[in-house]
Protein backbone atom coordinates (compact mmCIF):
# COMPACT_ATOMS: atom_id res chain seq x y z
CA UNK A 1 0.00 0.00 0.00
CA UNK A 2 1.31 3.40 -0.90
CA UNK A 3 2.39 5.74 1.89
CA UNK A 4 -0.24 8.31 0.81
CA UNK A 5 -3.07 5.78 1.19
CA UNK A 6 -1.79 4.74 4.63
CA UNK A 7 -1.79 8.37 5.78
CA UNK A 8 -5.34 8.89 4.49
CA UNK A 9 -6.60 5.71 6.19
CA UNK A 10 -4.83 6.61 9.42
CA UNK A 11 -6.34 10.12 9.33
CA UNK A 12 -9.83 8.71 8.73
CA UNK A 13 -9.42 6.28 11.61
CA UNK A 14 -8.40 9.09 13.97
CA UNK A 15 -11.39 11.18 12.85
CA UNK A 16 -13.79 8.29 13.39
CA UNK A 17 -12.43 7.55 16.84
CA UNK A 18 -12.75 11.22 17.76
CA UNK A 19 -16.46 11.14 16.88
CA UNK A 20 -17.25 8.26 19.24
CA UNK A 21 -18.95 9.70 22.33
CA UNK A 22 -18.50 8.03 25.69
CA UNK A 23 -21.78 6.68 27.03
CA UNK A 24 -22.51 7.94 30.54
CA UNK A 25 -26.19 7.17 31.21
CA UNK A 26 -28.97 4.65 30.63
CA UNK A 27 -30.64 6.99 28.14
CA UNK A 28 -27.44 7.42 26.09
CA UNK A 29 -26.84 3.66 26.18
CA UNK A 30 -30.36 2.90 24.91
CA UNK A 31 -30.17 5.65 22.26
CA UNK A 32 -26.93 4.12 20.96
CA UNK A 33 -28.88 0.95 20.16
CA UNK A 34 -27.52 -1.26 22.92
CA UNK A 35 -29.70 -4.07 24.24
CA UNK A 36 -31.98 -3.35 27.19
CA UNK A 37 -32.02 -6.12 29.81
CA UNK A 38 -35.35 -7.45 31.05
CA UNK A 39 -35.02 -6.32 34.64
CA UNK A 40 -36.69 -3.74 36.88
CA UNK A 41 -35.52 -1.16 36.63
CA UNK A 42 -34.21 -1.77 33.14
CA UNK A 43 -30.47 -2.01 32.55
CA UNK A 44 -28.40 -1.29 29.45
CA UNK A 45 -24.91 -2.66 28.80
CA UNK A 46 -22.32 -0.82 26.74
CA UNK A 47 -18.96 -2.57 26.62
CA UNK A 48 -17.95 -3.36 30.19
CA UNK A 49 -20.32 -0.78 31.75
CA UNK A 50 -23.92 -1.31 32.84
CA UNK A 51 -26.35 1.58 33.24
CA UNK A 52 -29.59 1.37 35.25
CA UNK A 53 -32.67 3.44 34.40
CA UNK A 54 -33.47 5.84 37.22
CA UNK A 55 -36.93 5.45 38.70
CA UNK A 56 -39.31 8.37 39.07
CA UNK A 57 -40.45 9.25 42.60
CA UNK A 58 -43.81 7.64 41.80
CA UNK A 59 -42.13 4.39 40.71
CA UNK A 60 -39.94 4.39 43.84
CA UNK A 61 -43.00 4.88 46.07
CA UNK A 62 -44.67 1.82 44.52
CA UNK A 63 -41.65 -0.33 45.42
CA UNK A 64 -41.66 0.61 49.08
CA UNK A 65 -44.11 -1.22 51.32
CA UNK A 66 -46.77 0.96 52.92
CA UNK A 67 -46.30 1.91 56.52
CA UNK A 68 -48.93 1.48 59.21
CA UNK A 69 -50.78 4.71 60.04
CA UNK A 70 -50.93 4.92 63.84
CA UNK A 71 -51.83 8.60 64.06
CA UNK A 72 -54.24 9.06 66.94
CA UNK A 73 -52.86 6.32 69.19
CA UNK A 74 -51.41 8.85 71.65
CA UNK A 75 -47.78 8.07 70.81
CA UNK A 76 -45.70 10.28 68.52
CA UNK A 77 -44.05 7.78 66.15
CA UNK A 78 -41.20 10.18 65.35
CA UNK A 79 -38.50 7.52 64.94
CA UNK A 80 -39.63 4.34 63.21
CA UNK A 81 -38.17 1.23 61.63
CA UNK A 82 -38.04 0.84 57.84
CA UNK A 83 -39.48 -2.69 57.54
CA UNK A 84 -42.88 -3.92 56.42
CA UNK A 85 -45.55 -3.14 59.00
CA UNK A 86 -43.59 -0.40 60.76
CA UNK A 87 -45.52 2.70 61.77
CA UNK A 88 -45.43 5.75 59.53
CA UNK A 89 -43.17 8.52 60.77
CA UNK A 90 -45.17 11.25 62.49
CA UNK A 91 -44.45 14.94 63.02
CA UNK A 92 -46.39 17.86 64.48
CA UNK A 93 -47.51 18.63 60.93
CA UNK A 94 -48.55 15.11 59.87
CA UNK A 95 -50.08 14.01 63.17
CA UNK A 96 -50.71 16.95 65.54
CA UNK A 97 -52.88 14.75 67.79
CA UNK A 98 -49.91 12.64 68.84
CA UNK A 99 -46.99 15.02 68.25
CA UNK A 100 -47.41 18.25 70.14
CA UNK A 101 -44.79 20.94 69.70
PDB file of N, CA and C in Angstrom:
ATOM      1  N   UNK A   1       0.852  -1.170   0.000  1.00  0.00           N
ATOM      2  CA  UNK A   1       0.000   0.000   0.000  1.00  0.00           C
ATOM      3  C   UNK A   1       0.894   1.228   0.000  1.00  0.00           C
ATOM      4  N   UNK A   2       0.515   2.181  -0.769  1.00  0.00           N
ATOM      5  CA  UNK A   2       1.312   3.402  -0.895  1.00  0.00           C
ATOM      6  C   UNK A   2       1.251   4.196   0.401  1.00  0.00           C
ATOM      7  N   UNK A   3       2.303   4.942   0.660  1.00  0.00           N
ATOM      8  CA  UNK A   3       2.392   5.736   1.889  1.00  0.00           C
ATOM      9  C   UNK A   3       1.255   6.749   1.971  1.00  0.00           C
ATOM     10  N   UNK A   4       0.848   7.327   0.837  1.00  0.00           N
ATOM     11  CA  UNK A   4      -0.236   8.308   0.815  1.00  0.00           C
ATOM     12  C   UNK A   4      -1.555   7.703   1.258  1.00  0.00           C
ATOM     13  N   UNK A   5      -1.832   6.449   0.803  1.00  0.00           N
ATOM     14  CA  UNK A   5      -3.074   5.780   1.193  1.00  0.00           C
ATOM     15  C   UNK A   5      -3.062   5.446   2.688  1.00  0.00           C
ATOM     16  N   UNK A   6      -1.899   5.053   3.203  1.00  0.00           N
ATOM     17  CA  UNK A   6      -1.790   4.744   4.628  1.00  0.00           C
ATOM     18  C   UNK A   6      -2.082   5.984   5.474  1.00  0.00           C
ATOM     19  N   UNK A   7      -1.563   7.116   5.042  1.00  0.00           N
ATOM     20  CA  UNK A   7      -1.788   8.369   5.782  1.00  0.00           C
ATOM     21  C   UNK A   7      -3.265   8.740   5.760  1.00  0.00           C
ATOM     22  N   UNK A   8      -3.908   8.575   4.604  1.00  0.00           N
ATOM     23  CA  UNK A   8      -5.336   8.893   4.495  1.00  0.00           C
ATOM     24  C   UNK A   8      -6.155   7.966   5.385  1.00  0.00           C
ATOM     25  N   UNK A   9      -5.872   6.653   5.353  1.00  0.00           N
ATOM     26  CA  UNK A   9      -6.602   5.708   6.193  1.00  0.00           C
ATOM     27  C   UNK A   9      -6.379   5.984   7.676  1.00  0.00           C
ATOM     28  N   UNK A  10      -5.145   6.301   8.039  1.00  0.00           N
ATOM     29  CA  UNK A  10      -4.826   6.609   9.422  1.00  0.00           C
ATOM     30  C   UNK A  10      -5.574   7.860   9.877  1.00  0.00           C
ATOM     31  N   UNK A  11      -5.641   8.866   9.026  1.00  0.00           N
ATOM     32  CA  UNK A  11      -6.345  10.115   9.334  1.00  0.00           C
ATOM     33  C   UNK A  11      -7.842   9.854   9.505  1.00  0.00           C
ATOM     34  N   UNK A  12      -8.411   9.044   8.610  1.00  0.00           N
ATOM     35  CA  UNK A  12      -9.831   8.714   8.729  1.00  0.00           C
ATOM     36  C   UNK A  12     -10.123   7.951  10.020  1.00  0.00           C
ATOM     37  N   UNK A  13      -9.247   7.047  10.375  1.00  0.00           N
ATOM     38  CA  UNK A  13      -9.416   6.280  11.606  1.00  0.00           C
ATOM     39  C   UNK A  13      -9.400   7.204  12.821  1.00  0.00           C
ATOM     40  N   UNK A  14      -8.486   8.143  12.855  1.00  0.00           N
ATOM     41  CA  UNK A  14      -8.404   9.089  13.972  1.00  0.00           C
ATOM     42  C   UNK A  14      -9.671   9.943  14.034  1.00  0.00           C
ATOM     43  N   UNK A  15     -10.159  10.384  12.875  1.00  0.00           N
ATOM     44  CA  UNK A  15     -11.390  11.183  12.850  1.00  0.00           C
ATOM     45  C   UNK A  15     -12.590  10.384  13.348  1.00  0.00           C
ATOM     46  N   UNK A  16     -12.686   9.127  12.940  1.00  0.00           N
ATOM     47  CA  UNK A  16     -13.794   8.290  13.389  1.00  0.00           C
ATOM     48  C   UNK A  16     -13.735   8.045  14.893  1.00  0.00           C
ATOM     49  N   UNK A  17     -12.570   7.781  15.409  1.00  0.00           N
ATOM     50  CA  UNK A  17     -12.425   7.554  16.843  1.00  0.00           C
ATOM     51  C   UNK A  17     -12.743   8.817  17.636  1.00  0.00           C
ATOM     52  N   UNK A  18     -12.447   9.951  17.096  1.00  0.00           N
ATOM     53  CA  UNK A  18     -12.745  11.221  17.756  1.00  0.00           C
ATOM     54  C   UNK A  18     -14.236  11.509  17.809  1.00  0.00           C
ATOM     55  N   UNK A  19     -15.015  10.910  16.923  1.00  0.00           N
ATOM     56  CA  UNK A  19     -16.459  11.135  16.882  1.00  0.00           C
ATOM     57  C   UNK A  19     -17.222  10.221  17.833  1.00  0.00           C
ATOM     58  N   UNK A  20     -16.584   9.200  18.348  1.00  0.00           N
ATOM     59  CA  UNK A  20     -17.252   8.264  19.242  1.00  0.00           C
ATOM     60  C   UNK A  20     -17.409   8.930  20.607  1.00  0.00           C
ATOM     61  N   UNK A  21     -18.671   9.063  21.050  1.00  0.00           N
ATOM     62  CA  UNK A  21     -18.954   9.702  22.325  1.00  0.00           C
ATOM     63  C   UNK A  21     -19.023   8.645  23.423  1.00  0.00           C
ATOM     64  N   UNK A  22     -18.443   8.951  24.565  1.00  0.00           N
ATOM     65  CA  UNK A  22     -18.502   8.033  25.692  1.00  0.00           C
ATOM     66  C   UNK A  22     -19.918   8.013  26.263  1.00  0.00           C
ATOM     67  N   UNK A  23     -20.446   6.831  26.483  1.00  0.00           N
ATOM     68  CA  UNK A  23     -21.785   6.679  27.027  1.00  0.00           C
ATOM     69  C   UNK A  23     -21.705   6.802  28.542  1.00  0.00           C
ATOM     70  N   UNK A  24     -22.571   7.671  29.105  1.00  0.00           N
ATOM     71  CA  UNK A  24     -22.509   7.941  30.537  1.00  0.00           C
ATOM     72  C   UNK A  24     -23.842   7.746  31.264  1.00  0.00           C
ATOM     73  N   UNK A  25     -24.898   7.337  30.553  1.00  0.00           N
ATOM     74  CA  UNK A  25     -26.190   7.172  31.209  1.00  0.00           C
ATOM     75  C   UNK A  25     -27.008   6.079  30.530  1.00  0.00           C
ATOM     76  N   UNK A  26     -28.070   5.650  31.196  1.00  0.00           N
ATOM     77  CA  UNK A  26     -28.967   4.653  30.630  1.00  0.00           C
ATOM     78  C   UNK A  26     -29.567   5.165  29.328  1.00  0.00           C
ATOM     79  N   UNK A  27     -30.001   6.413  29.323  1.00  0.00           N
ATOM     80  CA  UNK A  27     -30.639   6.988  28.142  1.00  0.00           C
ATOM     81  C   UNK A  27     -29.689   7.006  26.946  1.00  0.00           C
ATOM     82  N   UNK A  28     -28.431   7.400  27.170  1.00  0.00           N
ATOM     83  CA  UNK A  28     -27.439   7.416  26.091  1.00  0.00           C
ATOM     84  C   UNK A  28     -27.154   5.997  25.604  1.00  0.00           C
ATOM     85  N   UNK A  29     -27.099   5.054  26.520  1.00  0.00           N
ATOM     86  CA  UNK A  29     -26.837   3.663  26.176  1.00  0.00           C
ATOM     87  C   UNK A  29     -27.961   3.118  25.288  1.00  0.00           C
ATOM     88  N   UNK A  30     -29.207   3.375  25.685  1.00  0.00           N
ATOM     89  CA  UNK A  30     -30.356   2.900  24.907  1.00  0.00           C
ATOM     90  C   UNK A  30     -30.409   3.593  23.545  1.00  0.00           C
ATOM     91  N   UNK A  31     -30.140   4.897  23.515  1.00  0.00           N
ATOM     92  CA  UNK A  31     -30.173   5.650  22.261  1.00  0.00           C
ATOM     93  C   UNK A  31     -29.101   5.168  21.285  1.00  0.00           C
ATOM     94  N   UNK A  32     -28.008   4.628  21.806  1.00  0.00           N
ATOM     95  CA  UNK A  32     -26.930   4.123  20.959  1.00  0.00           C
ATOM     96  C   UNK A  32     -27.273   2.762  20.363  1.00  0.00           C
ATOM     97  N   UNK A  33     -28.449   2.218  20.734  1.00  0.00           N
ATOM     98  CA  UNK A  33     -28.883   0.946  20.161  1.00  0.00           C
ATOM     99  C   UNK A  33     -28.449  -0.284  20.918  1.00  0.00           C
ATOM    100  N   UNK A  34     -27.928  -0.108  22.118  1.00  0.00           N
ATOM    101  CA  UNK A  34     -27.515  -1.258  22.921  1.00  0.00           C
ATOM    102  C   UNK A  34     -28.744  -1.982  23.462  1.00  0.00           C
ATOM    103  N   UNK A  35     -28.584  -3.256  23.744  1.00  0.00           N
ATOM    104  CA  UNK A  35     -29.696  -4.070  24.236  1.00  0.00           C
ATOM    105  C   UNK A  35     -30.112  -3.633  25.634  1.00  0.00           C
ATOM    106  N   UNK A  36     -31.428  -3.660  25.880  1.00  0.00           N
ATOM    107  CA  UNK A  36     -31.984  -3.354  27.189  1.00  0.00           C
ATOM    108  C   UNK A  36     -32.312  -4.679  27.867  1.00  0.00           C
ATOM    109  N   UNK A  37     -31.787  -4.877  29.070  1.00  0.00           N
ATOM    110  CA  UNK A  37     -32.019  -6.117  29.805  1.00  0.00           C
ATOM    111  C   UNK A  37     -33.417  -6.121  30.403  1.00  0.00           C
ATOM    112  N   UNK A  38     -34.020  -7.300  30.458  1.00  0.00           N
ATOM    113  CA  UNK A  38     -35.348  -7.449  31.048  1.00  0.00           C
ATOM    114  C   UNK A  38     -35.202  -7.541  32.556  1.00  0.00           C
ATOM    115  N   UNK A  39     -35.141  -6.406  33.195  1.00  0.00           N
ATOM    116  CA  UNK A  39     -35.022  -6.321  34.644  1.00  0.00           C
ATOM    117  C   UNK A  39     -35.849  -5.114  35.083  1.00  0.00           C
ATOM    118  N   UNK A  40     -36.010  -4.940  36.384  1.00  0.00           N
ATOM    119  CA  UNK A  40     -36.686  -3.743  36.878  1.00  0.00           C
ATOM    120  C   UNK A  40     -35.868  -3.170  38.000  1.00  0.00           C
ATOM    121  N   UNK A  41     -35.401  -1.965  37.844  1.00  0.00           N
ATOM    122  CA  UNK A  41     -35.517  -1.163  36.633  1.00  0.00           C
ATOM    123  C   UNK A  41     -34.645  -1.719  35.507  1.00  0.00           C
ATOM    124  N   UNK A  42     -34.934  -1.281  34.302  1.00  0.00           N
ATOM    125  CA  UNK A  42     -34.213  -1.769  33.142  1.00  0.00           C
ATOM    126  C   UNK A  42     -32.733  -1.406  33.234  1.00  0.00           C
ATOM    127  N   UNK A  43     -31.905  -2.252  32.597  1.00  0.00           N
ATOM    128  CA  UNK A  43     -30.466  -2.015  32.550  1.00  0.00           C
ATOM    129  C   UNK A  43     -30.011  -2.078  31.104  1.00  0.00           C
ATOM    130  N   UNK A  44     -28.968  -1.318  30.796  1.00  0.00           N
ATOM    131  CA  UNK A  44     -28.402  -1.295  29.451  1.00  0.00           C
ATOM    132  C   UNK A  44     -26.899  -1.494  29.579  1.00  0.00           C
ATOM    133  N   UNK A  45     -26.343  -2.375  28.761  1.00  0.00           N
ATOM    134  CA  UNK A  45     -24.907  -2.657  28.798  1.00  0.00           C
ATOM    135  C   UNK A  45     -24.238  -2.097  27.565  1.00  0.00           C
ATOM    136  N   UNK A  46     -23.153  -1.357  27.814  1.00  0.00           N
ATOM    137  CA  UNK A  46     -22.324  -0.821  26.741  1.00  0.00           C
ATOM    138  C   UNK A  46     -20.884  -1.170  27.070  1.00  0.00           C
ATOM    139  N   UNK A  47     -20.320  -2.104  26.327  1.00  0.00           N
ATOM    140  CA  UNK A  47     -18.960  -2.566  26.618  1.00  0.00           C
ATOM    141  C   UNK A  47     -18.926  -3.245  27.971  1.00  0.00           C
ATOM    142  N   UNK A  48     -18.060  -2.758  28.855  1.00  0.00           N
ATOM    143  CA  UNK A  48     -17.952  -3.358  30.186  1.00  0.00           C
ATOM    144  C   UNK A  48     -18.729  -2.573  31.248  1.00  0.00           C
ATOM    145  N   UNK A  49     -19.551  -1.595  30.807  1.00  0.00           N
ATOM    146  CA  UNK A  49     -20.321  -0.782  31.745  1.00  0.00           C
ATOM    147  C   UNK A  49     -21.806  -1.121  31.646  1.00  0.00           C
ATOM    148  N   UNK A  50     -22.477  -1.089  32.785  1.00  0.00           N
ATOM    149  CA  UNK A  50     -23.923  -1.309  32.839  1.00  0.00           C
ATOM    150  C   UNK A  50     -24.571  -0.069  33.442  1.00  0.00           C
ATOM    151  N   UNK A  51     -25.639   0.399  32.795  1.00  0.00           N
ATOM    152  CA  UNK A  51     -26.351   1.584  33.242  1.00  0.00           C
ATOM    153  C   UNK A  51     -27.774   1.177  33.628  1.00  0.00           C
ATOM    154  N   UNK A  52     -28.264   1.707  34.747  1.00  0.00           N
ATOM    155  CA  UNK A  52     -29.590   1.374  35.254  1.00  0.00           C
ATOM    156  C   UNK A  52     -30.497   2.590  35.081  1.00  0.00           C
ATOM    157  N   UNK A  53     -31.714   2.346  34.568  1.00  0.00           N
ATOM    158  CA  UNK A  53     -32.671   3.438  34.399  1.00  0.00           C
ATOM    159  C   UNK A  53     -33.101   3.931  35.774  1.00  0.00           C
ATOM    160  N   UNK A  54     -33.055   5.258  35.950  1.00  0.00           N
ATOM    161  CA  UNK A  54     -33.471   5.842  37.218  1.00  0.00           C
ATOM    162  C   UNK A  54     -34.995   5.832  37.307  1.00  0.00           C
ATOM    163  N   UNK A  55     -35.498   5.490  38.482  1.00  0.00           N
ATOM    164  CA  UNK A  55     -36.930   5.446  38.695  1.00  0.00           C
ATOM    165  C   UNK A  55     -37.450   6.820  39.103  1.00  0.00           C
ATOM    166  N   UNK A  56     -38.655   7.127  38.657  1.00  0.00           N
ATOM    167  CA  UNK A  56     -39.307   8.366  39.066  1.00  0.00           C
ATOM    168  C   UNK A  56     -39.713   8.234  40.531  1.00  0.00           C
ATOM    169  N   UNK A  57     -39.986   9.346  41.215  1.00  0.00           N
ATOM    170  CA  UNK A  57     -40.447   9.252  42.604  1.00  0.00           C
ATOM    171  C   UNK A  57     -41.710   8.388  42.748  1.00  0.00           C
ATOM    172  N   UNK A  58     -42.595   8.448  41.756  1.00  0.00           N
ATOM    173  CA  UNK A  58     -43.814   7.641  41.801  1.00  0.00           C
ATOM    174  C   UNK A  58     -43.481   6.146  41.723  1.00  0.00           C
ATOM    175  N   UNK A  59     -42.540   5.787  40.843  1.00  0.00           N
ATOM    176  CA  UNK A  59     -42.132   4.387  40.714  1.00  0.00           C
ATOM    177  C   UNK A  59     -41.449   3.900  41.993  1.00  0.00           C
ATOM    178  N   UNK A  60     -40.625   4.757  42.600  1.00  0.00           N
ATOM    179  CA  UNK A  60     -39.943   4.386  43.839  1.00  0.00           C
ATOM    180  C   UNK A  60     -40.949   4.167  44.971  1.00  0.00           C
ATOM    181  N   UNK A  61     -41.987   5.005  45.018  1.00  0.00           N
ATOM    182  CA  UNK A  61     -42.999   4.880  46.067  1.00  0.00           C
ATOM    183  C   UNK A  61     -43.742   3.560  45.951  1.00  0.00           C
ATOM    184  N   UNK A  62     -43.967   3.083  44.725  1.00  0.00           N
ATOM    185  CA  UNK A  62     -44.668   1.822  44.525  1.00  0.00           C
ATOM    186  C   UNK A  62     -43.843   0.630  45.010  1.00  0.00           C
ATOM    187  N   UNK A  63     -42.522   0.766  44.992  1.00  0.00           N
ATOM    188  CA  UNK A  63     -41.650  -0.330  45.419  1.00  0.00           C
ATOM    189  C   UNK A  63     -41.574  -0.460  46.932  1.00  0.00           C
ATOM    190  N   UNK A  64     -41.798   0.633  47.636  1.00  0.00           N
ATOM    191  CA  UNK A  64     -41.662   0.607  49.084  1.00  0.00           C
ATOM    192  C   UNK A  64     -42.969   0.152  49.725  1.00  0.00           C
ATOM    193  N   UNK A  65     -42.892  -0.753  50.669  1.00  0.00           N
ATOM    194  CA  UNK A  65     -44.111  -1.225  51.321  1.00  0.00           C
ATOM    195  C   UNK A  65     -44.767  -0.090  52.099  1.00  0.00           C
ATOM    196  N   UNK A  66     -46.086  -0.102  52.174  1.00  0.00           N
ATOM    197  CA  UNK A  66     -46.768   0.955  52.923  1.00  0.00           C
ATOM    198  C   UNK A  66     -46.498   0.812  54.416  1.00  0.00           C
ATOM    199  N   UNK A  67     -46.478   1.938  55.076  1.00  0.00           N
ATOM    200  CA  UNK A  67     -46.300   1.911  56.523  1.00  0.00           C
ATOM    201  C   UNK A  67     -47.671   1.868  57.193  1.00  0.00           C
ATOM    202  N   UNK A  68     -47.680   1.561  58.465  1.00  0.00           N
ATOM    203  CA  UNK A  68     -48.931   1.477  59.214  1.00  0.00           C
ATOM    204  C   UNK A  68     -49.226   2.831  59.850  1.00  0.00           C
ATOM    205  N   UNK A  69     -50.385   3.398  59.525  1.00  0.00           N
ATOM    206  CA  UNK A  69     -50.777   4.713  60.037  1.00  0.00           C
ATOM    207  C   UNK A  69     -51.302   4.550  61.454  1.00  0.00           C
ATOM    208  N   UNK A  70     -50.538   5.014  62.432  1.00  0.00           N
ATOM    209  CA  UNK A  70     -50.929   4.917  63.838  1.00  0.00           C
ATOM    210  C   UNK A  70     -51.271   6.276  64.426  1.00  0.00           C
ATOM    211  N   UNK A  71     -51.490   7.270  63.571  1.00  0.00           N
ATOM    212  CA  UNK A  71     -51.829   8.601  64.058  1.00  0.00           C
ATOM    213  C   UNK A  71     -53.119   8.523  64.872  1.00  0.00           C
ATOM    214  N   UNK A  72     -53.079   9.078  66.065  1.00  0.00           N
ATOM    215  CA  UNK A  72     -54.242   9.064  66.939  1.00  0.00           C
ATOM    216  C   UNK A  72     -54.135   8.051  68.061  1.00  0.00           C
ATOM    217  N   UNK A  73     -53.004   7.325  68.129  1.00  0.00           N
ATOM    218  CA  UNK A  73     -52.859   6.324  69.192  1.00  0.00           C
ATOM    219  C   UNK A  73     -52.248   6.897  70.467  1.00  0.00           C
ATOM    220  N   UNK A  74     -51.963   8.200  70.464  1.00  0.00           N
ATOM    221  CA  UNK A  74     -51.414   8.853  71.654  1.00  0.00           C
ATOM    222  C   UNK A  74     -49.905   8.793  71.757  1.00  0.00           C
ATOM    223  N   UNK A  75     -49.244   8.167  70.796  1.00  0.00           N
ATOM    224  CA  UNK A  75     -47.781   8.070  70.805  1.00  0.00           C
ATOM    225  C   UNK A  75     -47.251   8.718  69.531  1.00  0.00           C
ATOM    226  N   UNK A  76     -46.318   9.630  69.689  1.00  0.00           N
ATOM    227  CA  UNK A  76     -45.703  10.275  68.525  1.00  0.00           C
ATOM    228  C   UNK A  76     -44.651   9.334  67.949  1.00  0.00           C
ATOM    229  N   UNK A  77     -44.946   8.742  66.808  1.00  0.00           N
ATOM    230  CA  UNK A  77     -44.046   7.782  66.154  1.00  0.00           C
ATOM    231  C   UNK A  77     -43.009   8.570  65.337  1.00  0.00           C
ATOM    232  N   UNK A  78     -42.170   9.325  66.037  1.00  0.00           N
ATOM    233  CA  UNK A  78     -41.202  10.179  65.345  1.00  0.00           C
ATOM    234  C   UNK A  78     -40.070   9.364  64.723  1.00  0.00           C
ATOM    235  N   UNK A  79     -39.578   8.377  65.430  1.00  0.00           N
ATOM    236  CA  UNK A  79     -38.502   7.520  64.939  1.00  0.00           C
ATOM    237  C   UNK A  79     -39.069   6.117  64.748  1.00  0.00           C
ATOM    238  N   UNK A  80     -39.011   5.633  63.520  1.00  0.00           N
ATOM    239  CA  UNK A  80     -39.628   4.341  63.206  1.00  0.00           C
ATOM    240  C   UNK A  80     -38.656   3.455  62.445  1.00  0.00           C
ATOM    241  N   UNK A  81     -38.973   2.165  62.410  1.00  0.00           N
ATOM    242  CA  UNK A  81     -38.169   1.235  61.628  1.00  0.00           C
ATOM    243  C   UNK A  81     -38.529   1.368  60.154  1.00  0.00           C
ATOM    244  N   UNK A  82     -37.799   0.723  59.283  1.00  0.00           N
ATOM    245  CA  UNK A  82     -38.039   0.836  57.843  1.00  0.00           C
ATOM    246  C   UNK A  82     -38.476  -0.489  57.235  1.00  0.00           C
ATOM    247  N   UNK A  83     -39.042  -1.388  58.035  1.00  0.00           N
ATOM    248  CA  UNK A  83     -39.479  -2.692  57.538  1.00  0.00           C
ATOM    249  C   UNK A  83     -40.980  -2.695  57.277  1.00  0.00           C
ATOM    250  N   UNK A  84     -41.454  -3.774  56.675  1.00  0.00           N
ATOM    251  CA  UNK A  84     -42.884  -3.920  56.420  1.00  0.00           C
ATOM    252  C   UNK A  84     -43.632  -3.927  57.746  1.00  0.00           C
ATOM    253  N   UNK A  85     -44.728  -3.171  57.806  1.00  0.00           N
ATOM    254  CA  UNK A  85     -45.550  -3.135  59.000  1.00  0.00           C
ATOM    255  C   UNK A  85     -45.107  -2.145  60.058  1.00  0.00           C
ATOM    256  N   UNK A  86     -44.028  -1.419  59.811  1.00  0.00           N
ATOM    257  CA  UNK A  86     -43.586  -0.400  60.763  1.00  0.00           C
ATOM    258  C   UNK A  86     -44.564   0.775  60.711  1.00  0.00           C
ATOM    259  N   UNK A  87     -44.647   1.527  61.800  1.00  0.00           N
ATOM    260  CA  UNK A  87     -45.525   2.695  61.772  1.00  0.00           C
ATOM    261  C   UNK A  87     -44.962   3.777  60.862  1.00  0.00           C
ATOM    262  N   UNK A  88     -45.851   4.602  60.337  1.00  0.00           N
ATOM    263  CA  UNK A  88     -45.431   5.753  59.533  1.00  0.00           C
ATOM    264  C   UNK A  88     -44.794   6.779  60.465  1.00  0.00           C
ATOM    265  N   UNK A  89     -43.789   7.464  59.979  1.00  0.00           N
ATOM    266  CA  UNK A  89     -43.167   8.518  60.772  1.00  0.00           C
ATOM    267  C   UNK A  89     -44.164   9.658  60.966  1.00  0.00           C
ATOM    268  N   UNK A  90     -44.227  10.182  62.178  1.00  0.00           N
ATOM    269  CA  UNK A  90     -45.167  11.251  62.494  1.00  0.00           C
ATOM    270  C   UNK A  90     -44.418  12.502  62.930  1.00  0.00           C
ATOM    271  N   UNK A  91     -44.986  13.638  62.595  1.00  0.00           N
ATOM    272  CA  UNK A  91     -44.452  14.936  63.024  1.00  0.00           C
ATOM    273  C   UNK A  91     -45.622  15.771  63.512  1.00  0.00           C
ATOM    274  N   UNK A  92     -45.325  16.953  64.042  1.00  0.00           N
ATOM    275  CA  UNK A  92     -46.386  17.855  64.484  1.00  0.00           C
ATOM    276  C   UNK A  92     -47.283  18.260  63.313  1.00  0.00           C
ATOM    277  N   UNK A  93     -46.723  18.264  62.101  1.00  0.00           N
ATOM    278  CA  UNK A  93     -47.514  18.630  60.926  1.00  0.00           C
ATOM    279  C   UNK A  93     -48.368  17.478  60.431  1.00  0.00           C
ATOM    280  N   UNK A  94     -47.818  16.250  60.420  1.00  0.00           N
ATOM    281  CA  UNK A  94     -48.548  15.106  59.865  1.00  0.00           C
ATOM    282  C   UNK A  94     -49.490  14.450  60.870  1.00  0.00           C
ATOM    283  N   UNK A  95     -49.216  14.609  62.145  1.00  0.00           N
ATOM    284  CA  UNK A  95     -50.083  14.014  63.174  1.00  0.00           C
ATOM    285  C   UNK A  95     -50.063  14.889  64.428  1.00  0.00           C
ATOM    286  N   UNK A  96     -50.741  16.039  64.386  1.00  0.00           N
ATOM    287  CA  UNK A  96     -50.713  16.947  65.535  1.00  0.00           C
ATOM    288  C   UNK A  96     -51.375  16.368  66.790  1.00  0.00           C
ATOM    289  N   UNK A  97     -52.233  15.373  66.629  1.00  0.00           N
ATOM    290  CA  UNK A  97     -52.884  14.751  67.791  1.00  0.00           C
ATOM    291  C   UNK A  97     -51.869  14.075  68.690  1.00  0.00           C
ATOM    292  N   UNK A  98     -50.910  13.377  68.082  1.00  0.00           N
ATOM    293  CA  UNK A  98     -49.907  12.636  68.842  1.00  0.00           C
ATOM    294  C   UNK A  98     -48.631  13.436  69.094  1.00  0.00           C
ATOM    295  N   UNK A  99     -48.273  14.290  68.160  1.00  0.00           N
ATOM    296  CA  UNK A  99     -46.988  15.017  68.255  1.00  0.00           C
ATOM    297  C   UNK A  99     -47.249  16.496  68.541  1.00  0.00           C
ATOM    298  N   UNK A 100     -47.178  16.847  69.764  1.00  0.00           N
ATOM    299  CA  UNK A 100     -47.408  18.255  70.143  1.00  0.00           C
ATOM    300  C   UNK A 100     -46.050  18.950  70.186  1.00  0.00           C
ATOM    301  N   UNK A 101     -46.039  20.166  69.724  1.00  0.00           N
ATOM    302  CA  UNK A 101     -44.785  20.940  69.697  1.00  0.00           C
ATOM    303  C   UNK A 101     -44.330  21.339  71.068  1.00  0.00           C
TER     304      UNK A 101
END
